[in-house]
Protein backbone atom coordinates (compact mmCIF):
# COMPACT_ATOMS: atom_id res chain seq x y z
CA MET A 1 10.53 18.10 -12.69
CA GLY A 2 6.92 17.19 -12.46
CA TRP A 3 5.49 15.82 -8.98
CA ILE A 4 5.04 11.97 -9.00
CA ARG A 5 2.81 10.91 -6.51
CA GLY A 6 0.29 7.51 -5.72
CA HIS A 7 -1.61 7.06 -2.62
CA ARG A 8 -5.02 5.89 -2.34
CA ALA A 9 -7.37 6.34 1.22
CA GLY A 10 -10.40 4.05 1.83
CA ARG A 11 -13.77 5.32 2.17
CA GLY A 12 -16.69 2.76 3.11
CA GLY A 13 -20.18 3.65 1.52
CA TRP A 14 -22.21 4.97 3.81
CA GLY A 15 -26.50 4.71 1.98
CA SER A 16 -27.11 0.54 2.28
CA ALA A 17 -24.03 -0.59 3.47
CA GLY A 18 -23.92 1.62 6.75
CA LEU A 19 -27.92 1.31 7.42
CA ILE A 20 -26.49 -2.69 7.51
CA ALA A 21 -23.65 -1.74 9.80
CA GLY A 22 -26.40 -0.15 11.92
CA GLY A 23 -28.45 -2.71 12.14
CA VAL A 24 -25.25 -5.30 13.24
CA VAL A 25 -25.08 -2.80 16.21
CA THR A 26 -28.75 -3.14 16.91
CA LEU A 27 -28.70 -6.98 16.87
CA ALA A 28 -25.59 -6.83 18.57
CA LEU A 29 -26.97 -6.05 22.09
CA SER A 30 -29.19 -9.73 21.73
CA GLY A 31 -27.60 -12.05 19.62
CA SER A 32 -24.63 -14.36 19.97
CA GLY A 33 -20.59 -14.06 19.37
CA CYS A 34 -21.06 -16.03 16.82
CA GLN A 35 -24.61 -14.38 15.08
CA VAL A 36 -23.22 -11.35 15.74
CA ALA A 37 -19.37 -11.62 13.94
CA GLY A 38 -21.19 -13.08 11.60
CA LEU A 39 -23.20 -10.37 11.26
CA ILE A 40 -20.45 -7.86 11.41
CA ALA A 41 -18.06 -10.22 8.11
CA VAL A 42 -21.87 -10.00 6.30
CA ALA A 43 -22.35 -6.11 7.45
CA GLY A 44 -17.99 -5.21 5.99
CA ASP A 45 -18.12 -7.43 2.71
CA THR A 46 -20.66 -5.03 2.07
CA MET A 47 -19.41 -1.83 2.35
CA GLU A 48 -16.13 -2.94 0.55
CA ARG A 49 -17.79 -4.17 -2.17
CA THR A 50 -20.48 -0.36 -1.98
CA GLY A 51 -18.06 1.57 -0.55
CA SER A 52 -15.53 3.71 -2.73
CA HIS A 53 -12.07 5.50 -1.84
CA ASP A 54 -10.65 8.46 -3.46
CA VAL A 55 -7.09 8.39 -5.38
CA TYR A 56 -5.02 10.98 -5.67
CA ALA A 57 -2.95 12.30 -8.83
CA GLU A 58 -0.15 10.61 -10.36
CA TYR A 59 1.42 12.70 -12.56
CA GLN A 60 0.73 16.31 -11.01
CA GLY A 61 3.10 18.31 -13.69
CA LEU A 62 0.26 19.82 -15.86
CA ARG A 63 -0.05 22.82 -12.83
CA ASP A 64 0.44 25.79 -14.72
CA LYS A 65 1.63 24.68 -17.79
CA ASN A 66 0.38 23.91 -21.11
CA PHE A 67 -0.16 20.23 -22.89
CA ALA A 68 -1.01 18.52 -26.02
CA VAL A 69 -2.21 14.97 -26.19
CA LEU A 70 -0.54 13.21 -28.60
CA ILE A 71 -1.51 9.66 -29.43
CA VAL A 72 0.44 7.08 -31.53
CA VAL A 73 -0.14 3.53 -33.38
CA ASP A 74 1.40 0.94 -35.88
CA ARG A 75 0.16 1.53 -39.33
CA ALA A 76 -1.56 -1.82 -39.63
CA THR A 77 -4.10 -0.90 -36.43
CA ALA A 78 -4.65 2.70 -37.48
CA SER A 79 -5.57 1.25 -40.92
CA GLU A 80 -8.01 -1.35 -39.10
CA HIS A 81 -9.41 1.11 -37.27
CA PRO A 82 -8.85 4.75 -39.33
CA ARG A 83 -11.45 6.63 -37.15
CA MET A 84 -9.96 5.61 -33.72
CA VAL A 85 -7.32 8.37 -33.26
CA ASN A 86 -9.17 10.79 -34.16
CA ARG A 87 -11.86 9.70 -30.99
CA LEU A 88 -9.06 9.03 -28.82
CA THR A 89 -7.39 12.37 -29.43
CA ASN A 90 -10.56 14.48 -28.55
CA SER A 91 -11.77 12.45 -26.25
CA ILE A 92 -8.70 12.33 -23.87
CA THR A 93 -8.58 15.93 -24.16
CA ASP A 94 -11.85 17.07 -23.73
CA MET A 95 -12.06 14.94 -20.72
CA LEU A 96 -9.23 16.64 -19.31
CA MET A 97 -10.19 19.90 -20.00
CA GLU A 98 -13.53 19.25 -17.83
CA GLN A 99 -10.78 18.81 -14.63
CA LYS A 100 -9.57 21.81 -15.26
CA ASP A 101 -10.34 23.75 -11.79
CA LEU A 102 -9.22 20.95 -10.40
CA ILE A 103 -5.68 19.97 -12.46
CA GLY A 104 -4.66 23.30 -13.03
CA PHE A 105 -3.03 23.18 -16.22
CA ALA A 106 -2.68 27.07 -18.06
CA GLY A 107 -4.07 25.70 -21.75
CA ARG A 108 -4.13 22.81 -23.59
CA VAL A 109 -3.94 22.33 -27.24
CA PRO A 110 -7.50 21.10 -28.68
CA GLY A 111 -7.67 17.33 -29.87
CA PRO A 112 -8.06 19.13 -33.59
CA TYR A 113 -5.73 21.40 -33.85
CA VAL A 114 -3.19 17.94 -32.65
CA LEU A 115 -4.97 15.97 -35.54
CA ALA A 116 -4.67 18.18 -38.33
CA PHE A 117 -1.03 17.88 -37.34
CA GLN A 118 -0.64 14.46 -37.74
CA TYR A 119 -2.10 14.13 -41.37
CA GLY A 120 -0.24 17.12 -42.89
CA ASN A 121 3.17 16.07 -41.81
CA PRO A 122 3.03 12.40 -41.80
CA SER A 123 7.33 12.57 -40.83
CA TRP A 124 6.39 13.95 -37.71
CA VAL A 125 6.67 10.51 -36.15
CA SER A 126 11.15 10.07 -36.49
CA TRP A 127 10.50 13.83 -35.13
CA PRO A 128 11.83 13.87 -31.94
CA TYR A 129 9.28 14.46 -29.25
CA GLN A 130 11.28 17.82 -28.24
CA ARG A 131 10.28 19.06 -31.97
CA ILE A 132 7.02 17.90 -31.39
CA ALA A 133 6.48 20.23 -28.00
CA GLU A 134 7.68 23.01 -29.65
CA GLU A 135 5.42 22.51 -33.35
CA PHE A 136 2.80 23.20 -30.38
CA THR A 137 4.32 25.63 -28.01
CA VAL A 138 3.64 23.15 -24.81
CA GLU A 139 5.83 22.13 -21.77
CA ARG A 140 4.06 19.07 -21.33
CA LEU A 141 3.39 16.37 -24.15
CA ILE A 142 1.04 13.53 -23.11
CA VAL A 143 2.05 10.26 -25.55
CA VAL A 144 -0.69 7.87 -25.52
CA ASP A 145 2.16 4.41 -27.35
CA ILE A 146 -1.10 2.24 -28.77
CA PHE A 147 0.05 -1.06 -28.49
CA ASP A 148 -2.58 -3.08 -29.41
CA TYR A 149 -6.54 -2.09 -29.67
CA ARG A 150 -9.07 -4.77 -30.58
CA LEU A 151 -12.72 -5.47 -30.73
CA GLN A 152 -13.01 -9.75 -31.33
CA GLU A 153 -11.71 -12.23 -30.28
CA PRO A 154 -8.20 -13.23 -31.49
CA GLY A 155 -8.95 -16.06 -34.35
CA ASN A 156 -12.86 -15.06 -34.10
CA SER A 157 -14.26 -12.47 -35.32
CA TYR A 158 -17.69 -13.37 -34.10
CA VAL A 159 -17.33 -13.22 -30.27
CA TRP A 160 -16.47 -9.62 -28.70
CA LYS A 161 -12.85 -9.49 -26.84
CA GLY A 162 -11.88 -5.94 -26.83
CA LYS A 163 -8.94 -4.38 -25.38
CA ILE A 164 -7.11 -1.41 -25.33
CA GLY A 165 -3.61 -1.58 -24.20
CA ALA A 166 -0.91 1.15 -24.39
CA ARG A 167 1.57 3.44 -22.30
CA VAL A 168 0.87 6.57 -21.23
CA GLY A 169 4.12 9.19 -21.14
CA VAL A 170 5.01 12.37 -20.30
CA ILE A 171 7.47 14.74 -21.77
CA GLU A 172 8.69 17.72 -20.23
CA ALA A 173 9.72 19.24 -22.59
CA ASP A 174 11.19 22.58 -20.27
CA GLY A 175 13.33 20.58 -18.78
CA PRO A 176 16.86 19.42 -18.50
CA ALA A 177 15.79 16.12 -20.44
CA SER A 178 13.42 17.44 -23.03
CA ASP A 179 13.63 14.19 -25.32
CA GLU A 180 12.73 11.52 -22.46
CA PHE A 181 9.79 10.12 -20.44
CA ILE A 182 9.09 11.27 -17.01
CA TYR A 183 6.39 9.99 -15.92
CA THR A 184 4.80 6.21 -17.90
CA LYS A 185 2.50 4.19 -16.88
CA ASP A 186 1.27 0.65 -18.87
CA ILE A 187 -2.63 0.80 -19.37
CA VAL A 188 -4.60 -2.07 -20.38
CA VAL A 189 -8.96 -2.45 -20.54
CA GLY A 190 -11.36 -4.48 -21.97
CA PHE A 191 -15.03 -4.99 -22.65
CA PRO A 192 -16.60 -7.39 -22.22
CA ASP A 193 -16.14 -7.79 -19.02
CA LYS A 194 -17.39 -11.86 -19.31
CA ASP A 195 -16.53 -14.01 -22.26
CA GLY A 196 -19.50 -15.27 -24.99
CA TYR A 197 -20.73 -12.59 -25.90
CA THR A 198 -21.94 -11.63 -29.48
CA PRO A 199 -23.05 -9.28 -32.40
CA ASN A 200 -26.39 -10.21 -30.98
CA ASP A 201 -26.30 -9.13 -27.74
CA TYR A 202 -23.96 -6.01 -28.16
CA SER A 203 -23.35 -3.69 -31.59
CA GLN A 204 -19.40 -2.91 -32.37
CA GLY A 205 -20.31 0.52 -31.66
CA GLN A 206 -21.48 0.08 -27.96
CA VAL A 207 -18.12 -2.57 -27.46
CA GLN A 208 -15.88 0.24 -29.19
CA ALA A 209 -17.80 3.45 -26.95
CA THR A 210 -17.99 1.63 -23.50
CA LEU A 211 -13.93 0.78 -24.20
CA GLU A 212 -12.87 3.88 -25.20
CA LYS A 213 -14.77 5.58 -22.00
CA ARG A 214 -12.74 2.88 -20.13
CA PHE A 215 -9.72 4.08 -21.28
CA ALA A 216 -10.07 7.02 -21.77
CA ASP A 217 -11.09 7.33 -18.22
CA ARG A 218 -8.14 5.79 -17.16
CA VAL A 219 -5.89 7.89 -19.07
CA THR A 220 -7.01 11.03 -17.62
CA TRP A 221 -7.51 9.70 -13.99
CA LEU A 222 -3.59 9.51 -13.85
CA PHE A 223 -4.16 13.69 -14.20
CA TYR A 224 -6.24 14.43 -11.15
CA ASP A 225 -7.19 13.49 -7.43
CA HIS A 226 -10.34 11.66 -8.23
CA GLU A 227 -12.79 8.52 -6.50
CA GLU A 228 -12.88 5.16 -7.43
CA LYS A 229 -15.66 2.25 -6.78
CA ASN A 230 -13.78 -0.20 -4.85
CA MET A 231 -15.37 -3.07 -6.85
CA MET A 232 -14.53 -1.68 -10.27
CA ASP A 233 -15.12 -3.65 -13.28
CA TYR A 234 -11.36 -2.17 -15.49
């Protein structure tokens, strides 16, 4: 079974926040108690906003294993966004490949190979995951089952309200439960961050690219230790 964990270690931002904190110490020598307390509170808030923290991988079972990324989506969504599966398959696989030394996996199936398999074998949707893993000759299958993908606000195609929601699951094909998910995580991201944006503000390509980048980040971050800002937009 893969090693699953989830732990965060906080870390303050020591750029401008550190200078502010240093200023507080200096002012504390001459300021009143209330003034000092207020300055310390401001410095603390600034450090919280500008700081970052370490986030450990939630799933570590890719080490020394071969894997493939499989995107699952319903026909209606695939028909409305015909290139989405291609983009996400390639971006998630490539982003994990960029972290190969950190993750420590043995190998991966390139995105184009996975896509060729899917398009060449329409019946794959009815296959057990174990069989798909055997087809790719991998011990780990990362399944990204998308249950929500949209760019516009529902009922208003003129207003951008991008959203991707998916369940990420891992199949350990070499384990005792080779057709069951050993790990799952629901992920939901959105863009833009505020309401009311229209094509006058962002093009469809900008909304799509930013939304999918945020989603790919959240998926791949599950598999390696990384640093996140304390005040993340997604």
